[in-house]
PDB file of all heavy atoms in Angstrom:
ATOM      1  N   ASN A   1    -115.279 -28.044  19.357  1.00  0.00           N
ATOM      2  CA  ASN A   1    -114.581 -29.089  20.098  1.00  0.00           C
ATOM      3  C   ASN A   1    -114.486 -30.356  19.247  1.00  0.00           C
ATOM      4  O   ASN A   1    -115.371 -30.640  18.439  1.00  0.00           O
ATOM      5  CB  ASN A   1    -115.352 -29.368  21.401  1.00  0.00           C
ATOM      6  CG  ASN A   1    -114.717 -30.447  22.243  1.00  0.00           C
ATOM      7  OD1 ASN A   1    -114.912 -31.624  22.009  1.00  0.00           O
ATOM      8  ND2 ASN A   1    -113.944 -30.028  23.226  1.00  0.00           N
ATOM      9  N   ALA A   2    -113.416 -31.132  19.429  1.00  0.00           N
ATOM     10  CA  ALA A   2    -113.196 -32.345  18.627  1.00  0.00           C
ATOM     11  C   ALA A   2    -114.352 -33.331  18.737  1.00  0.00           C
ATOM     12  O   ALA A   2    -114.765 -33.940  17.739  1.00  0.00           O
ATOM     13  CB  ALA A   2    -111.890 -33.021  19.055  1.00  0.00           C
ATOM     14  N   VAL A   3    -114.897 -33.481  19.924  1.00  0.00           N
ATOM     15  CA  VAL A   3    -116.022 -34.405  20.125  1.00  0.00           C
ATOM     16  C   VAL A   3    -117.256 -33.924  19.372  1.00  0.00           C
ATOM     17  O   VAL A   3    -117.983 -34.706  18.750  1.00  0.00           O
ATOM     18  CB  VAL A   3    -116.342 -34.551  21.630  1.00  0.00           C
ATOM     19  CG1 VAL A   3    -117.561 -35.440  21.834  1.00  0.00           C
ATOM     20  CG2 VAL A   3    -115.145 -35.124  22.379  1.00  0.00           C
ATOM     21  N   ASP A   4    -117.501 -32.601  19.418  1.00  0.00           N
ATOM     22  CA  ASP A   4    -118.656 -32.035  18.716  1.00  0.00           C
ATOM     23  C   ASP A   4    -118.488 -32.147  17.201  1.00  0.00           C
ATOM     24  O   ASP A   4    -119.465 -32.376  16.476  1.00  0.00           O
ATOM     25  CB  ASP A   4    -118.845 -30.559  19.106  1.00  0.00           C
ATOM     26  CG  ASP A   4    -119.230 -30.408  20.568  1.00  0.00           C
ATOM     27  OD1 ASP A   4    -119.872 -31.334  21.098  1.00  0.00           O
ATOM     28  OD2 ASP A   4    -118.894 -29.374  21.176  1.00  0.00           O
ATOM     29  N   ILE A   5    -117.256 -31.997  16.719  1.00  0.00           N
ATOM     30  CA  ILE A   5    -117.006 -32.144  15.279  1.00  0.00           C
ATOM     31  C   ILE A   5    -117.315 -33.580  14.850  1.00  0.00           C
ATOM     32  O   ILE A   5    -117.974 -33.810  13.831  1.00  0.00           O
ATOM     33  CB  ILE A   5    -115.545 -31.793  14.933  1.00  0.00           C
ATOM     34  CG1 ILE A   5    -115.266 -30.304  15.195  1.00  0.00           C
ATOM     35  CG2 ILE A   5    -115.255 -32.115  13.463  1.00  0.00           C
ATOM     36  CD1 ILE A   5    -113.807 -29.899  14.995  1.00  0.00           C
ATOM     37  N   ALA A   6    -116.839 -34.551  15.632  1.00  0.00           N
ATOM     38  CA  ALA A   6    -117.094 -35.962  15.313  1.00  0.00           C
ATOM     39  C   ALA A   6    -118.593 -36.242  15.294  1.00  0.00           C
ATOM     40  O   ALA A   6    -119.093 -36.978  14.433  1.00  0.00           O
ATOM     41  CB  ALA A   6    -116.398 -36.858  16.335  1.00  0.00           C
ATOM     42  N   SER A   7    -119.327 -35.662  16.252  1.00  0.00           N
ATOM     43  CA  SER A   7    -120.779 -35.847  16.309  1.00  0.00           C
ATOM     44  C   SER A   7    -121.457 -35.236  15.087  1.00  0.00           C
ATOM     45  O   SER A   7    -122.372 -35.828  14.513  1.00  0.00           O
ATOM     46  CB  SER A   7    -121.325 -35.201  17.593  1.00  0.00           C
ATOM     47  OG  SER A   7    -122.724 -35.325  17.658  1.00  0.00           O
ATOM     48  N   LEU A   8    -121.009 -34.042  14.679  1.00  0.00           N
ATOM     49  CA  LEU A   8    -121.574 -33.375  13.496  1.00  0.00           C
ATOM     50  C   LEU A   8    -121.286 -34.179  12.240  1.00  0.00           C
ATOM     51  O   LEU A   8    -122.175 -34.400  11.398  1.00  0.00           O
ATOM     52  CB  LEU A   8    -120.985 -31.965  13.367  1.00  0.00           C
ATOM     53  CG  LEU A   8    -121.373 -31.162  12.116  1.00  0.00           C
ATOM     54  CD1 LEU A   8    -122.887 -30.922  12.085  1.00  0.00           C
ATOM     55  CD2 LEU A   8    -120.628 -29.834  12.075  1.00  0.00           C
ATOM     56  N   LEU A   9    -120.071 -34.658  12.097  1.00  0.00           N
ATOM     57  CA  LEU A   9    -119.688 -35.413  10.908  1.00  0.00           C
ATOM     58  C   LEU A   9    -120.418 -36.751  10.807  1.00  0.00           C
ATOM     59  O   LEU A   9    -120.583 -37.303   9.719  1.00  0.00           O
ATOM     60  CB  LEU A   9    -118.167 -35.645  10.892  1.00  0.00           C
ATOM     61  CG  LEU A   9    -117.321 -34.618  10.110  1.00  0.00           C
ATOM     62  CD1 LEU A   9    -117.610 -33.199  10.567  1.00  0.00           C
ATOM     63  CD2 LEU A   9    -115.845 -34.930  10.234  1.00  0.00           C
ATOM     64  N   SER A  10    -120.851 -37.295  11.955  1.00  0.00           N
ATOM     65  CA  SER A  10    -121.563 -38.581  11.946  1.00  0.00           C
ATOM     66  C   SER A  10    -122.916 -38.478  11.246  1.00  0.00           C
ATOM     67  O   SER A  10    -123.506 -39.491  10.867  1.00  0.00           O
ATOM     68  CB  SER A  10    -121.755 -39.088  13.377  1.00  0.00           C
ATOM     69  OG  SER A  10    -122.678 -38.271  14.077  1.00  0.00           O
ATOM     70  N   GLU A  11    -123.419 -37.267  11.068  1.00  0.00           N
ATOM     71  CA  GLU A  11    -124.717 -37.061  10.422  1.00  0.00           C
ATOM     72  C   GLU A  11    -124.588 -36.826   8.919  1.00  0.00           C
ATOM     73  O   GLU A  11    -125.583 -36.664   8.220  1.00  0.00           O
ATOM     74  CB  GLU A  11    -125.438 -35.868  11.067  1.00  0.00           C
ATOM     75  CG  GLU A  11    -125.708 -36.046  12.561  1.00  0.00           C
ATOM     76  CD  GLU A  11    -126.434 -34.849  13.149  1.00  0.00           C
ATOM     77  OE1 GLU A  11    -127.226 -34.229  12.431  1.00  0.00           O
ATOM     78  OE2 GLU A  11    -126.200 -34.544  14.328  1.00  0.00           O
ATOM     79  N   LEU A  12    -123.353 -36.788   8.409  1.00  0.00           N
ATOM     80  CA  LEU A  12    -123.133 -36.507   6.990  1.00  0.00           C
ATOM     81  C   LEU A  12    -123.112 -37.784   6.161  1.00  0.00           C
ATOM     82  O   LEU A  12    -122.854 -38.870   6.659  1.00  0.00           O
ATOM     83  CB  LEU A  12    -121.804 -35.768   6.810  1.00  0.00           C
ATOM     84  CG  LEU A  12    -121.610 -34.446   7.578  1.00  0.00           C
ATOM     85  CD1 LEU A  12    -120.255 -33.847   7.242  1.00  0.00           C
ATOM     86  CD2 LEU A  12    -122.717 -33.454   7.254  1.00  0.00           C
ATOM     87  N   GLU A  13    -123.366 -37.616   4.862  1.00  0.00           N
ATOM     88  CA  GLU A  13    -123.199 -38.723   3.920  1.00  0.00           C
ATOM     89  C   GLU A  13    -121.700 -38.999   3.749  1.00  0.00           C
ATOM     90  O   GLU A  13    -120.863 -38.134   4.029  1.00  0.00           O
ATOM     91  CB  GLU A  13    -123.817 -38.364   2.570  1.00  0.00           C
ATOM     92  CG  GLU A  13    -125.309 -38.077   2.616  1.00  0.00           C
ATOM     93  CD  GLU A  13    -126.119 -39.309   3.002  1.00  0.00           C
ATOM     94  OE1 GLU A  13    -125.652 -40.430   2.688  1.00  0.00           O
ATOM     95  OE2 GLU A  13    -127.190 -39.157   3.622  1.00  0.00           O
ATOM     96  N   ASP A  14    -121.368 -40.189   3.239  1.00  0.00           N
ATOM     97  CA  ASP A  14    -119.960 -40.573   3.121  1.00  0.00           C
ATOM     98  C   ASP A  14    -119.132 -39.570   2.322  1.00  0.00           C
ATOM     99  O   ASP A  14    -118.029 -39.191   2.716  1.00  0.00           O
ATOM    100  CB  ASP A  14    -119.855 -41.964   2.470  1.00  0.00           C
ATOM    101  CG  ASP A  14    -120.242 -43.062   3.448  1.00  0.00           C
ATOM    102  OD1 ASP A  14    -120.329 -42.761   4.658  1.00  0.00           O
ATOM    103  OD2 ASP A  14    -120.456 -44.206   3.012  1.00  0.00           O
ATOM    104  N   LYS A  15    -119.672 -39.135   1.171  1.00  0.00           N
ATOM    105  CA  LYS A  15    -118.921 -38.214   0.317  1.00  0.00           C
ATOM    106  C   LYS A  15    -118.655 -36.895   1.042  1.00  0.00           C
ATOM    107  O   LYS A  15    -117.557 -36.336   0.973  1.00  0.00           O
ATOM    108  CB  LYS A  15    -119.711 -37.962  -0.964  1.00  0.00           C
ATOM    109  CG  LYS A  15    -118.951 -37.163  -2.002  1.00  0.00           C
ATOM    110  CD  LYS A  15    -119.762 -37.026  -3.276  1.00  0.00           C
ATOM    111  CE  LYS A  15    -119.011 -36.184  -4.298  1.00  0.00           C
ATOM    112  NZ  LYS A  15    -119.811 -35.990  -5.533  1.00  0.00           N
ATOM    113  N   GLU A  16    -119.672 -36.409   1.759  1.00  0.00           N
ATOM    114  CA  GLU A  16    -119.525 -35.154   2.510  1.00  0.00           C
ATOM    115  C   GLU A  16    -118.576 -35.338   3.685  1.00  0.00           C
ATOM    116  O   GLU A  16    -117.833 -34.425   4.045  1.00  0.00           O
ATOM    117  CB  GLU A  16    -120.897 -34.689   3.003  1.00  0.00           C
ATOM    118  CG  GLU A  16    -121.859 -34.336   1.869  1.00  0.00           C
ATOM    119  CD  GLU A  16    -123.305 -34.284   2.353  1.00  0.00           C
ATOM    120  OE1 GLU A  16    -123.563 -34.739   3.492  1.00  0.00           O
ATOM    121  OE2 GLU A  16    -124.164 -33.810   1.590  1.00  0.00           O
ATOM    122  N   LEU A  17    -118.589 -36.546   4.282  1.00  0.00           N
ATOM    123  CA  LEU A  17    -117.727 -36.839   5.422  1.00  0.00           C
ATOM    124  C   LEU A  17    -116.252 -36.701   5.047  1.00  0.00           C
ATOM    125  O   LEU A  17    -115.474 -36.050   5.750  1.00  0.00           O
ATOM    126  CB  LEU A  17    -118.011 -38.257   5.938  1.00  0.00           C
ATOM    127  CG  LEU A  17    -117.021 -38.851   6.945  1.00  0.00           C
ATOM    128  CD1 LEU A  17    -117.013 -38.024   8.232  1.00  0.00           C
ATOM    129  CD2 LEU A  17    -117.366 -40.297   7.264  1.00  0.00           C
ATOM    130  N   ALA A  18    -115.858 -37.314   3.937  1.00  0.00           N
ATOM    131  CA  ALA A  18    -114.462 -37.257   3.503  1.00  0.00           C
ATOM    132  C   ALA A  18    -114.033 -35.828   3.220  1.00  0.00           C
ATOM    133  O   ALA A  18    -112.932 -35.409   3.593  1.00  0.00           O
ATOM    134  CB  ALA A  18    -114.270 -38.123   2.269  1.00  0.00           C
ATOM    135  N   LEU A  19    -114.922 -35.054   2.578  1.00  0.00           N
ATOM    136  CA  LEU A  19    -114.603 -33.662   2.256  1.00  0.00           C
ATOM    137  C   LEU A  19    -114.465 -32.821   3.521  1.00  0.00           C
ATOM    138  O   LEU A  19    -113.504 -32.057   3.677  1.00  0.00           O
ATOM    139  CB  LEU A  19    -115.707 -33.088   1.354  1.00  0.00           C
ATOM    140  CG  LEU A  19    -115.561 -31.619   0.928  1.00  0.00           C
ATOM    141  CD1 LEU A  19    -114.246 -31.408   0.190  1.00  0.00           C
ATOM    142  CD2 LEU A  19    -116.740 -31.200   0.060  1.00  0.00           C
ATOM    143  N   ALA A  20    -115.416 -32.984   4.448  1.00  0.00           N
ATOM    144  CA  ALA A  20    -115.399 -32.195   5.689  1.00  0.00           C
ATOM    145  C   ALA A  20    -114.183 -32.532   6.540  1.00  0.00           C
ATOM    146  O   ALA A  20    -113.569 -31.648   7.141  1.00  0.00           O
ATOM    147  CB  ALA A  20    -116.686 -32.436   6.480  1.00  0.00           C
ATOM    148  N   PHE A  21    -113.813 -33.824   6.603  1.00  0.00           N
ATOM    149  CA  PHE A  21    -112.677 -34.214   7.430  1.00  0.00           C
ATOM    150  C   PHE A  21    -111.387 -33.560   6.947  1.00  0.00           C
ATOM    151  O   PHE A  21    -110.529 -33.194   7.752  1.00  0.00           O
ATOM    152  CB  PHE A  21    -112.517 -35.736   7.438  1.00  0.00           C
ATOM    153  CG  PHE A  21    -111.496 -36.221   8.428  1.00  0.00           C
ATOM    154  CD1 PHE A  21    -111.840 -36.409   9.753  1.00  0.00           C
ATOM    155  CD2 PHE A  21    -110.181 -36.452   8.043  1.00  0.00           C
ATOM    156  CE1 PHE A  21    -110.904 -36.838  10.685  1.00  0.00           C
ATOM    157  CE2 PHE A  21    -109.241 -36.883   8.959  1.00  0.00           C
ATOM    158  CZ  PHE A  21    -109.602 -37.068  10.287  1.00  0.00           C
ATOM    159  N   ARG A  22    -111.247 -33.416   5.652  1.00  0.00           N
ATOM    160  CA  ARG A  22    -110.028 -32.810   5.100  1.00  0.00           C
ATOM    161  C   ARG A  22    -109.945 -31.310   5.417  1.00  0.00           C
ATOM    162  O   ARG A  22    -108.878 -30.708   5.260  1.00  0.00           O
ATOM    163  CB  ARG A  22    -109.976 -33.043   3.595  1.00  0.00           C
ATOM    164  CG  ARG A  22    -109.690 -34.506   3.219  1.00  0.00           C
ATOM    165  CD  ARG A  22    -109.499 -34.677   1.723  1.00  0.00           C
ATOM    166  NE  ARG A  22    -108.976 -36.006   1.421  1.00  0.00           N
ATOM    167  CZ  ARG A  22    -109.717 -37.020   0.952  1.00  0.00           C
ATOM    168  NH1 ARG A  22    -111.020 -36.847   0.753  1.00  0.00           N
ATOM    169  NH2 ARG A  22    -109.161 -38.188   0.693  1.00  0.00           N
ATOM    170  N   LEU A  23    -111.051 -30.711   5.861  1.00  0.00           N
ATOM    171  CA  LEU A  23    -111.056 -29.287   6.198  1.00  0.00           C
ATOM    172  C   LEU A  23    -110.806 -29.032   7.683  1.00  0.00           C
ATOM    173  O   LEU A  23    -110.696 -27.889   8.115  1.00  0.00           O
ATOM    174  CB  LEU A  23    -112.400 -28.667   5.791  1.00  0.00           C
ATOM    175  CG  LEU A  23    -112.714 -28.684   4.288  1.00  0.00           C
ATOM    176  CD1 LEU A  23    -114.135 -28.219   4.034  1.00  0.00           C
ATOM    177  CD2 LEU A  23    -111.720 -27.837   3.519  1.00  0.00           C
ATOM    178  N   ILE A  24    -110.722 -30.119   8.464  1.00  0.00           N
ATOM    179  CA  ILE A  24    -110.460 -29.979   9.905  1.00  0.00           C
ATOM    180  C   ILE A  24    -109.018 -29.542  10.101  1.00  0.00           C
ATOM    181  O   ILE A  24    -108.118 -30.037   9.409  1.00  0.00           O
ATOM    182  CB  ILE A  24    -110.711 -31.318  10.636  1.00  0.00           C
ATOM    183  CG1 ILE A  24    -112.181 -31.727  10.510  1.00  0.00           C
ATOM    184  CG2 ILE A  24    -110.322 -31.224  12.108  1.00  0.00           C
ATOM    185  CD1 ILE A  24    -112.460 -33.130  10.997  1.00  0.00           C
ATOM    186  N   PRO A  25    -108.753 -28.611  11.043  1.00  0.00           N
ATOM    187  CA  PRO A  25    -107.365 -28.204  11.312  1.00  0.00           C
ATOM    188  C   PRO A  25    -106.486 -29.426  11.590  1.00  0.00           C
ATOM    189  O   PRO A  25    -106.897 -30.343  12.317  1.00  0.00           O
ATOM    190  CB  PRO A  25    -107.493 -27.322  12.552  1.00  0.00           C
ATOM    191  CG  PRO A  25    -108.890 -26.821  12.514  1.00  0.00           C
ATOM    192  CD  PRO A  25    -109.714 -27.897  11.879  1.00  0.00           C
ATOM    193  N   LYS A  26    -105.299 -29.464  11.004  1.00  0.00           N
ATOM    194  CA  LYS A  26    -104.423 -30.635  11.083  1.00  0.00           C
ATOM    195  C   LYS A  26    -104.156 -31.064  12.520  1.00  0.00           C
ATOM    196  O   LYS A  26    -104.149 -32.249  12.838  1.00  0.00           O
ATOM    197  CB  LYS A  26    -103.100 -30.333  10.371  1.00  0.00           C
ATOM    198  CG  LYS A  26    -102.159 -31.532  10.314  1.00  0.00           C
ATOM    199  CD  LYS A  26    -100.882 -31.191   9.578  1.00  0.00           C
ATOM    200  CE  LYS A  26     -99.936 -32.397   9.533  1.00  0.00           C
ATOM    201  NZ  LYS A  26     -99.526 -32.877  10.837  1.00  0.00           N
ATOM    202  N   GLU A  27    -103.952 -30.079  13.411  1.00  0.00           N
ATOM    203  CA  GLU A  27    -103.611 -30.417  14.796  1.00  0.00           C
ATOM    204  C   GLU A  27    -104.779 -31.045  15.551  1.00  0.00           C
ATOM    205  O   GLU A  27    -104.604 -31.627  16.619  1.00  0.00           O
ATOM    206  CB  GLU A  27    -103.110 -29.169  15.542  1.00  0.00           C
ATOM    207  CG  GLU A  27    -104.111 -28.032  15.675  1.00  0.00           C
ATOM    208  CD  GLU A  27    -104.125 -27.088  14.462  1.00  0.00           C
ATOM    209  OE1 GLU A  27    -103.475 -27.418  13.444  1.00  0.00           O
ATOM    210  OE2 GLU A  27    -104.788 -26.045  14.548  1.00  0.00           O
ATOM    211  N   GLU A  28    -106.001 -30.939  15.005  1.00  0.00           N
ATOM    212  CA  GLU A  28    -107.171 -31.487  15.688  1.00  0.00           C
ATOM    213  C   GLU A  28    -107.724 -32.728  15.000  1.00  0.00           C
ATOM    214  O   GLU A  28    -108.573 -33.422  15.550  1.00  0.00           O
ATOM    215  CB  GLU A  28    -108.266 -30.406  15.767  1.00  0.00           C
ATOM    216  CG  GLU A  28    -109.218 -30.598  16.912  1.00  0.00           C
ATOM    217  CD  GLU A  28    -110.108 -29.388  17.141  1.00  0.00           C
ATOM    218  OE1 GLU A  28    -110.098 -28.462  16.325  1.00  0.00           O
ATOM    219  OE2 GLU A  28    -110.812 -29.391  18.162  1.00  0.00           O
ATOM    220  N   ALA A  29    -107.236 -33.009  13.791  1.00  0.00           N
ATOM    221  CA  ALA A  29    -107.805 -34.099  12.991  1.00  0.00           C
ATOM    222  C   ALA A  29    -107.713 -35.454  13.682  1.00  0.00           C
ATOM    223  O   ALA A  29    -108.663 -36.239  13.667  1.00  0.00           O
ATOM    224  CB  ALA A  29    -107.104 -34.151  11.629  1.00  0.00           C
ATOM    225  N   ALA A  30    -106.566 -35.749  14.302  1.00  0.00           N
ATOM    226  CA  ALA A  30    -106.385 -37.056  14.945  1.00  0.00           C
ATOM    227  C   ALA A  30    -107.359 -37.248  16.094  1.00  0.00           C
ATOM    228  O   ALA A  30    -107.922 -38.333  16.279  1.00  0.00           O
ATOM    229  CB  ALA A  30    -104.945 -37.200  15.438  1.00  0.00           C
ATOM    230  N   GLU A  31    -107.588 -36.181  16.887  1.00  0.00           N
ATOM    231  CA  GLU A  31    -108.507 -36.296  18.023  1.00  0.00           C
ATOM    232  C   GLU A  31    -109.947 -36.476  17.547  1.00  0.00           C
ATOM    233  O   GLU A  31    -110.716 -37.241  18.139  1.00  0.00           O
ATOM    234  CB  GLU A  31    -108.401 -35.050  18.907  1.00  0.00           C
ATOM    235  CG  GLU A  31    -109.139 -35.211  20.223  1.00  0.00           C
ATOM    236  CD  GLU A  31    -108.953 -34.034  21.162  1.00  0.00           C
ATOM    237  OE1 GLU A  31    -108.132 -33.141  20.856  1.00  0.00           O
ATOM    238  OE2 GLU A  31    -109.653 -33.997  22.187  1.00  0.00           O
ATOM    239  N   VAL A  32    -110.314 -35.775  16.465  1.00  0.00           N
ATOM    240  CA  VAL A  32    -111.650 -35.954  15.890  1.00  0.00           C
ATOM    241  C   VAL A  32    -111.808 -37.391  15.402  1.00  0.00           C
ATOM    242  O   VAL A  32    -112.822 -38.044  15.672  1.00  0.00           O
ATOM    243  CB  VAL A  32    -111.885 -34.967  14.722  1.00  0.00           C
ATOM    244  CG1 VAL A  32    -113.213 -35.273  14.017  1.00  0.00           C
ATOM    245  CG2 VAL A  32    -111.882 -33.532  15.218  1.00  0.00           C
ATOM    246  N   PHE A  33    -110.801 -37.900  14.710  1.00  0.00           N
ATOM    247  CA  PHE A  33    -110.835 -39.265  14.179  1.00  0.00           C
ATOM    248  C   PHE A  33    -111.004 -40.282  15.308  1.00  0.00           C
ATOM    249  O   PHE A  33    -111.768 -41.245  15.183  1.00  0.00           O
ATOM    250  CB  PHE A  33    -109.550 -39.546  13.402  1.00  0.00           C
ATOM    251  CG  PHE A  33    -109.540 -40.872  12.701  1.00  0.00           C
ATOM    252  CD1 PHE A  33    -110.131 -41.020  11.457  1.00  0.00           C
ATOM    253  CD2 PHE A  33    -108.937 -41.981  13.285  1.00  0.00           C
ATOM    254  CE1 PHE A  33    -110.117 -42.257  10.805  1.00  0.00           C
ATOM    255  CE2 PHE A  33    -108.919 -43.206  12.649  1.00  0.00           C
ATOM    256  CZ  PHE A  33    -109.514 -43.343  11.396  1.00  0.00           C
ATOM    257  N   ALA A  34    -110.310 -40.070  16.429  1.00  0.00           N
ATOM    258  CA  ALA A  34    -110.380 -41.002  17.565  1.00  0.00           C
ATOM    259  C   ALA A  34    -111.769 -41.039  18.185  1.00  0.00           C
ATOM    260  O   ALA A  34    -112.153 -42.034  18.812  1.00  0.00           O
ATOM    261  CB  ALA A  34    -109.354 -40.599  18.625  1.00  0.00           C
ATOM    262  N   ASN A  35    -112.551 -39.958  18.003  1.00  0.00           N
ATOM    263  CA  ASN A  35    -113.896 -39.890  18.584  1.00  0.00           C
ATOM    264  C   ASN A  35    -114.991 -40.348  17.626  1.00  0.00           C
ATOM    265  O   ASN A  35    -116.172 -40.301  17.974  1.00  0.00           O
ATOM    266  CB  ASN A  35    -114.194 -38.461  19.050  1.00  0.00           C
ATOM    267  CG  ASN A  35    -113.531 -38.129  20.368  1.00  0.00           C
ATOM    268  OD1 ASN A  35    -113.962 -38.580  21.431  1.00  0.00           O
ATOM    269  ND2 ASN A  35    -112.451 -37.364  20.311  1.00  0.00           N
ATOM    270  N   MET A  36    -114.604 -40.790  16.432  1.00  0.00           N
ATOM    271  CA  MET A  36    -115.587 -41.269  15.456  1.00  0.00           C
ATOM    272  C   MET A  36    -115.950 -42.725  15.711  1.00  0.00           C
ATOM    273  O   MET A  36    -115.202 -43.465  16.343  1.00  0.00           O
ATOM    274  CB  MET A  36    -115.017 -41.139  14.031  1.00  0.00           C
ATOM    275  CG  MET A  36    -114.889 -39.712  13.536  1.00  0.00           C
ATOM    276  SD  MET A  36    -114.157 -39.674  11.884  1.00  0.00           S
ATOM    277  CE  MET A  36    -114.448 -37.959  11.450  1.00  0.00           C
ATOM    278  N   ASN A  37    -117.113 -43.130  15.172  1.00  0.00           N
ATOM    279  CA  ASN A  37    -117.491 -44.536  15.304  1.00  0.00           C
ATOM    280  C   ASN A  37    -116.746 -45.380  14.264  1.00  0.00           C
ATOM    281  O   ASN A  37    -116.105 -44.855  13.346  1.00  0.00           O
ATOM    282  CB  ASN A  37    -119.012 -44.722  15.191  1.00  0.00           C
ATOM    283  CG  ASN A  37    -119.561 -44.256  13.856  1.00  0.00           C
ATOM    284  OD1 ASN A  37    -118.993 -44.531  12.801  1.00  0.00           O
ATOM    285  ND2 ASN A  37    -120.669 -43.527  13.883  1.00  0.00           N
ATOM    286  N   ASN A  38    -116.847 -46.704  14.402  1.00  0.00           N
ATOM    287  CA  ASN A  38    -116.043 -47.619  13.576  1.00  0.00           C
ATOM    288  C   ASN A  38    -116.322 -47.499  12.088  1.00  0.00           C
ATOM    289  O   ASN A  38    -115.402 -47.560  11.269  1.00  0.00           O
ATOM    290  CB  ASN A  38    -116.292 -49.072  14.022  1.00  0.00           C
ATOM    291  CG  ASN A  38    -115.895 -49.290  15.464  1.00  0.00           C
ATOM    292  OD1 ASN A  38    -115.033 -48.600  15.980  1.00  0.00           O
ATOM    293  ND2 ASN A  38    -116.526 -50.242  16.121  1.00  0.00           N
TER     294      ASN A  38
END
């Protein structure tokens, strides 16, 4: 789920975060991004 992905990515280091985000399915990326912290 997009919310769970955002929660998982919040525990990653910055370098890993950028890499992992680029692997998210395109149709779900915007929703994951909207659920991330500032």
